[in-house]
Amino acid sequence: MDTETPAPQVWPTLRATDARALIRFLVEAFGFQEVVGYGEGEFVAHAELAWPEGGGVMLGSVRETAPGRWRGEPGTFSAYVVTADPDGVHARAVAAGARITTGLTETDYGSRDFAAADPEGNHWYFGTYPGAPRPVPSRS
């Protein structure tokens, strides 16, 4: 299998009460790909799930943290995931039993979107909007 290290990017992170079950759900219902998972038994110290169209998320089992540190409480995460095929992702999510919170819709800014909740209560938004154009970096 050929592998390559992705270019630097933003990796949203979340915690889960049952991380192994959440990973299975995200793979089956939405089409994420599990790239790596560290931990023993049901405990997931760190997992990375790639989105086939670019980017991904990192997640792990909920755990006690030092006071003042971000705990990432399960069910408090939300993400917008860009896809060229929201209808296909929607159909896959419905077939896997995902709870659709907003059906397929056309937005006033030209995106086709839908939203779903995962079993932990996190909110996932899928759509065609790739973000606003960015300035080209100057080459000096």
C-alpha atoms as a PDB file:
ATOM      1  CA  MET A   1       0.000   0.000   0.000  1.00  0.00           C
ATOM      2  CA  ASP A   2       1.347   3.436  -0.949  1.00  0.00           C
ATOM      3  CA  THR A   3       1.243   5.987   1.825  1.00  0.00           C
ATOM      4  CA  GLU A   4       1.951   9.664   2.022  1.00  0.00           C
ATOM      5  CA  THR A   5       2.055  12.150   4.834  1.00  0.00           C
ATOM      6  CA  PRO A   6      -0.640  14.807   4.421  1.00  0.00           C
ATOM      7  CA  ALA A   7       0.312  18.469   4.137  1.00  0.00           C
ATOM      8  CA  PRO A   8      -0.069  20.494   7.363  1.00  0.00           C
ATOM      9  CA  GLN A   9      -3.726  21.160   8.093  1.00  0.00           C
ATOM     10  CA  VAL A  10      -6.261  21.686  10.855  1.00  0.00           C
ATOM     11  CA  TRP A  11      -7.327  18.518  12.703  1.00  0.00           C
ATOM     12  CA  PRO A  12     -10.515  18.903  14.752  1.00  0.00           C
ATOM     13  CA  THR A  13     -10.464  16.686  17.843  1.00  0.00           C
ATOM     14  CA  LEU A  14     -13.141  15.117  19.976  1.00  0.00           C
ATOM     15  CA  ARG A  15     -13.604  12.720  22.869  1.00  0.00           C
ATOM     16  CA  ALA A  16     -16.063   9.857  23.075  1.00  0.00           C
ATOM     17  CA  THR A  17     -17.618   7.783  25.817  1.00  0.00           C
ATOM     18  CA  ASP A  18     -17.338   4.735  23.536  1.00  0.00           C
ATOM     19  CA  ALA A  19     -14.610   5.704  21.065  1.00  0.00           C
ATOM     20  CA  ARG A  20     -14.436   2.284  19.392  1.00  0.00           C
ATOM     21  CA  ALA A  21     -18.184   2.391  18.635  1.00  0.00           C
ATOM     22  CA  LEU A  22     -17.953   6.002  17.428  1.00  0.00           C
ATOM     23  CA  ILE A  23     -15.118   5.082  15.057  1.00  0.00           C
ATOM     24  CA  ARG A  24     -17.178   2.231  13.620  1.00  0.00           C
ATOM     25  CA  PHE A  25     -20.154   4.585  13.188  1.00  0.00           C
ATOM     26  CA  LEU A  26     -18.149   7.345  11.474  1.00  0.00           C
ATOM     27  CA  VAL A  27     -16.623   4.819   9.074  1.00  0.00           C
ATOM     28  CA  GLU A  28     -19.904   3.044   8.288  1.00  0.00           C
ATOM     29  CA  ALA A  29     -22.353   5.960   8.291  1.00  0.00           C
ATOM     30  CA  PHE A  30     -20.290   8.770   6.793  1.00  0.00           C
ATOM     31  CA  GLY A  31     -17.370   7.125   4.998  1.00  0.00           C
ATOM     32  CA  PHE A  32     -14.414   8.227   7.112  1.00  0.00           C
ATOM     33  CA  GLN A  33     -11.381   5.934   6.917  1.00  0.00           C
ATOM     34  CA  GLU A  34      -9.605   4.824  10.084  1.00  0.00           C
ATOM     35  CA  VAL A  35      -5.922   5.540   9.512  1.00  0.00           C
ATOM     36  CA  VAL A  36      -4.515   4.767  12.939  1.00  0.00           C
ATOM     37  CA  GLY A  37      -5.792   3.781  16.360  1.00  0.00           C
ATOM     38  CA  TYR A  38      -3.733   3.439  19.548  1.00  0.00           C
ATOM     39  CA  GLY A  39      -4.949   2.021  22.827  1.00  0.00           C
ATOM     40  CA  GLU A  40      -5.839  -1.253  24.453  1.00  0.00           C
ATOM     41  CA  GLY A  41      -9.188  -2.980  24.716  1.00  0.00           C
ATOM     42  CA  GLU A  42     -12.006  -0.465  24.554  1.00  0.00           C
ATOM     43  CA  PHE A  43      -9.752   2.493  25.487  1.00  0.00           C
ATOM     44  CA  VAL A  44      -8.626   4.626  22.525  1.00  0.00           C
ATOM     45  CA  ALA A  45      -5.664   6.835  23.416  1.00  0.00           C
ATOM     46  CA  HIS A  46      -5.531   8.349  19.921  1.00  0.00           C
ATOM     47  CA  ALA A  47      -7.206   7.623  16.590  1.00  0.00           C
ATOM     48  CA  GLU A  48      -7.117   9.398  13.253  1.00  0.00           C
ATOM     49  CA  LEU A  49      -9.931   9.174  10.750  1.00  0.00           C
ATOM     50  CA  ALA A  50      -9.252  10.532   7.277  1.00  0.00           C
ATOM     51  CA  TRP A  51     -11.940  12.113   5.145  1.00  0.00           C
ATOM     52  CA  PRO A  52     -11.459  10.693   1.616  1.00  0.00           C
ATOM     53  CA  GLU A  53     -11.792  14.155   0.060  1.00  0.00           C
ATOM     54  CA  GLY A  54      -9.139  15.685   2.352  1.00  0.00           C
ATOM     55  CA  GLY A  55      -8.538  16.380   6.035  1.00  0.00           C
ATOM     56  CA  GLY A  56      -9.860  14.339   8.901  1.00  0.00           C
ATOM     57  CA  VAL A  57     -10.513  14.205  12.632  1.00  0.00           C
ATOM     58  CA  MET A  58      -8.640  12.904  15.632  1.00  0.00           C
ATOM     59  CA  LEU A  59     -10.451  11.329  18.547  1.00  0.00           C
ATOM     60  CA  GLY A  60      -9.989   9.345  21.690  1.00  0.00           C
ATOM     61  CA  SER A  61     -11.738   7.987  24.735  1.00  0.00           C
ATOM     62  CA  VAL A  62     -12.906  10.444  27.361  1.00  0.00           C
ATOM     63  CA  ARG A  63     -10.478  10.604  30.282  1.00  0.00           C
ATOM     64  CA  GLU A  64      -9.703  12.605  33.364  1.00  0.00           C
ATOM     65  CA  THR A  65      -7.499  15.630  32.694  1.00  0.00           C
ATOM     66  CA  ALA A  66      -5.625  18.080  34.851  1.00  0.00           C
ATOM     67  CA  PRO A  67      -7.681  21.023  36.165  1.00  0.00           C
ATOM     68  CA  GLY A  68      -7.967  23.810  33.624  1.00  0.00           C
ATOM     69  CA  ARG A  69      -7.184  21.560  30.652  1.00  0.00           C
ATOM     70  CA  TRP A  70      -9.678  21.039  27.847  1.00  0.00           C
ATOM     71  CA  ARG A  71     -11.690  17.910  28.505  1.00  0.00           C
ATOM     72  CA  GLY A  72     -13.544  17.661  25.209  1.00  0.00           C
ATOM     73  CA  GLU A  73     -16.776  16.436  26.744  1.00  0.00           C
ATOM     74  CA  PRO A  74     -18.528  13.819  24.589  1.00  0.00           C
ATOM     75  CA  GLY A  75     -21.416  15.182  22.549  1.00  0.00           C
ATOM     76  CA  THR A  76     -20.124  18.781  22.394  1.00  0.00           C
ATOM     77  CA  PHE A  77     -18.356  18.587  19.024  1.00  0.00           C
ATOM     78  CA  SER A  78     -19.561  19.821  15.655  1.00  0.00           C
ATOM     79  CA  ALA A  79     -17.868  19.919  12.272  1.00  0.00           C
ATOM     80  CA  TYR A  80     -18.587  20.943   8.698  1.00  0.00           C
ATOM     81  CA  VAL A  81     -17.245  18.395   6.220  1.00  0.00           C
ATOM     82  CA  VAL A  82     -16.856  19.339   2.562  1.00  0.00           C
ATOM     83  CA  THR A  83     -18.001  16.727   0.073  1.00  0.00           C
ATOM     84  CA  ALA A  84     -18.631  16.705  -3.646  1.00  0.00           C
ATOM     85  CA  ASP A  85     -21.399  14.131  -3.079  1.00  0.00           C
ATOM     86  CA  PRO A  86     -23.711  15.198  -0.229  1.00  0.00           C
ATOM     87  CA  ASP A  87     -26.534  13.071  -1.656  1.00  0.00           C
ATOM     88  CA  GLY A  88     -24.335   9.967  -1.553  1.00  0.00           C
ATOM     89  CA  VAL A  89     -23.105  10.670   1.987  1.00  0.00           C
ATOM     90  CA  HIS A  90     -26.702  11.353   3.056  1.00  0.00           C
ATOM     91  CA  ALA A  91     -27.914   8.050   1.579  1.00  0.00           C
ATOM     92  CA  ARG A  92     -25.063   6.196   3.293  1.00  0.00           C
ATOM     93  CA  ALA A  93     -25.845   7.882   6.625  1.00  0.00           C
ATOM     94  CA  VAL A  94     -29.557   7.045   6.378  1.00  0.00           C
ATOM     95  CA  ALA A  95     -28.781   3.422   5.462  1.00  0.00           C
ATOM     96  CA  ALA A  96     -26.507   3.155   8.531  1.00  0.00           C
ATOM     97  CA  GLY A  97     -29.244   4.511  10.807  1.00  0.00           C
ATOM     98  CA  ALA A  98     -27.747   7.951  11.453  1.00  0.00           C
ATOM     99  CA  ARG A  99     -30.115  10.501  13.001  1.00  0.00           C
ATOM    100  CA  ILE A 100     -30.557  13.161  10.315  1.00  0.00           C
ATOM    101  CA  THR A 101     -31.107  16.522  12.017  1.00  0.00           C
ATOM    102  CA  THR A 102     -31.468  18.602   8.836  1.00  0.00           C
ATOM    103  CA  GLY A 103     -32.398  17.031   5.531  1.00  0.00           C
ATOM    104  CA  LEU A 104     -30.750  17.785   2.225  1.00  0.00           C
ATOM    105  CA  THR A 105     -31.192  21.429   1.365  1.00  0.00           C
ATOM    106  CA  GLU A 106     -29.852  24.096  -0.962  1.00  0.00           C
ATOM    107  CA  THR A 107     -28.400  27.081   0.902  1.00  0.00           C
ATOM    108  CA  ASP A 108     -28.607  30.708  -0.157  1.00  0.00           C
ATOM    109  CA  TYR A 109     -24.819  30.664  -0.726  1.00  0.00           C
ATOM    110  CA  GLY A 110     -24.968  27.818  -3.231  1.00  0.00           C
ATOM    111  CA  SER A 111     -24.173  24.767  -1.129  1.00  0.00           C
ATOM    112  CA  ARG A 112     -26.074  21.511  -0.902  1.00  0.00           C
ATOM    113  CA  ASP A 113     -26.025  20.450   2.754  1.00  0.00           C
ATOM    114  CA  PHE A 114     -27.443  18.121   5.373  1.00  0.00           C
ATOM    115  CA  ALA A 115     -26.750  17.519   9.054  1.00  0.00           C
ATOM    116  CA  ALA A 116     -26.683  14.424  11.242  1.00  0.00           C
ATOM    117  CA  ALA A 117     -25.922  13.509  14.844  1.00  0.00           C
ATOM    118  CA  ASP A 118     -23.666  10.636  15.826  1.00  0.00           C
ATOM    119  CA  PRO A 119     -24.458   8.230  18.698  1.00  0.00           C
ATOM    120  CA  GLU A 120     -22.460  10.425  21.148  1.00  0.00           C
ATOM    121  CA  GLY A 121     -24.582  13.485  20.267  1.00  0.00           C
ATOM    122  CA  ASN A 122     -21.990  15.319  18.147  1.00  0.00           C
ATOM    123  CA  HIS A 123     -23.272  17.265  15.151  1.00  0.00           C
ATOM    124  CA  TRP A 124     -21.896  16.681  11.654  1.00  0.00           C
ATOM    125  CA  TYR A 125     -22.695  18.956   8.732  1.00  0.00           C
ATOM    126  CA  PHE A 126     -21.893  17.814   5.186  1.00  0.00           C
ATOM    127  CA  GLY A 127     -22.033  20.039   2.145  1.00  0.00           C
ATOM    128  CA  THR A 128     -20.483  21.271  -1.045  1.00  0.00           C
ATOM    129  CA  TYR A 129     -19.346  24.698   0.242  1.00  0.00           C
ATOM    130  CA  PRO A 130     -15.504  24.623   0.192  1.00  0.00           C
ATOM    131  CA  GLY A 131     -15.016  27.933   2.005  1.00  0.00           C
ATOM    132  CA  ALA A 132     -14.308  31.407   0.699  1.00  0.00           C
ATOM    133  CA  PRO A 133     -11.422  31.956  -1.722  1.00  0.00           C
ATOM    134  CA  ARG A 134      -8.138  32.707   0.012  1.00  0.00           C
ATOM    135  CA  PRO A 135      -5.430  35.103  -1.057  1.00  0.00           C
ATOM    136  CA  VAL A 136      -2.509  33.506  -2.874  1.00  0.00           C
ATOM    137  CA  PRO A 137       0.591  33.593  -0.645  1.00  0.00           C
ATOM    138  CA  SER A 138       3.237  35.955  -1.936  1.00  0.00           C
ATOM    139  CA  ARG A 139       6.514  34.407  -2.974  1.00  0.00           C
ATOM    140  CA  SER A 140       9.416  36.418  -1.702  1.00  0.00           C
END
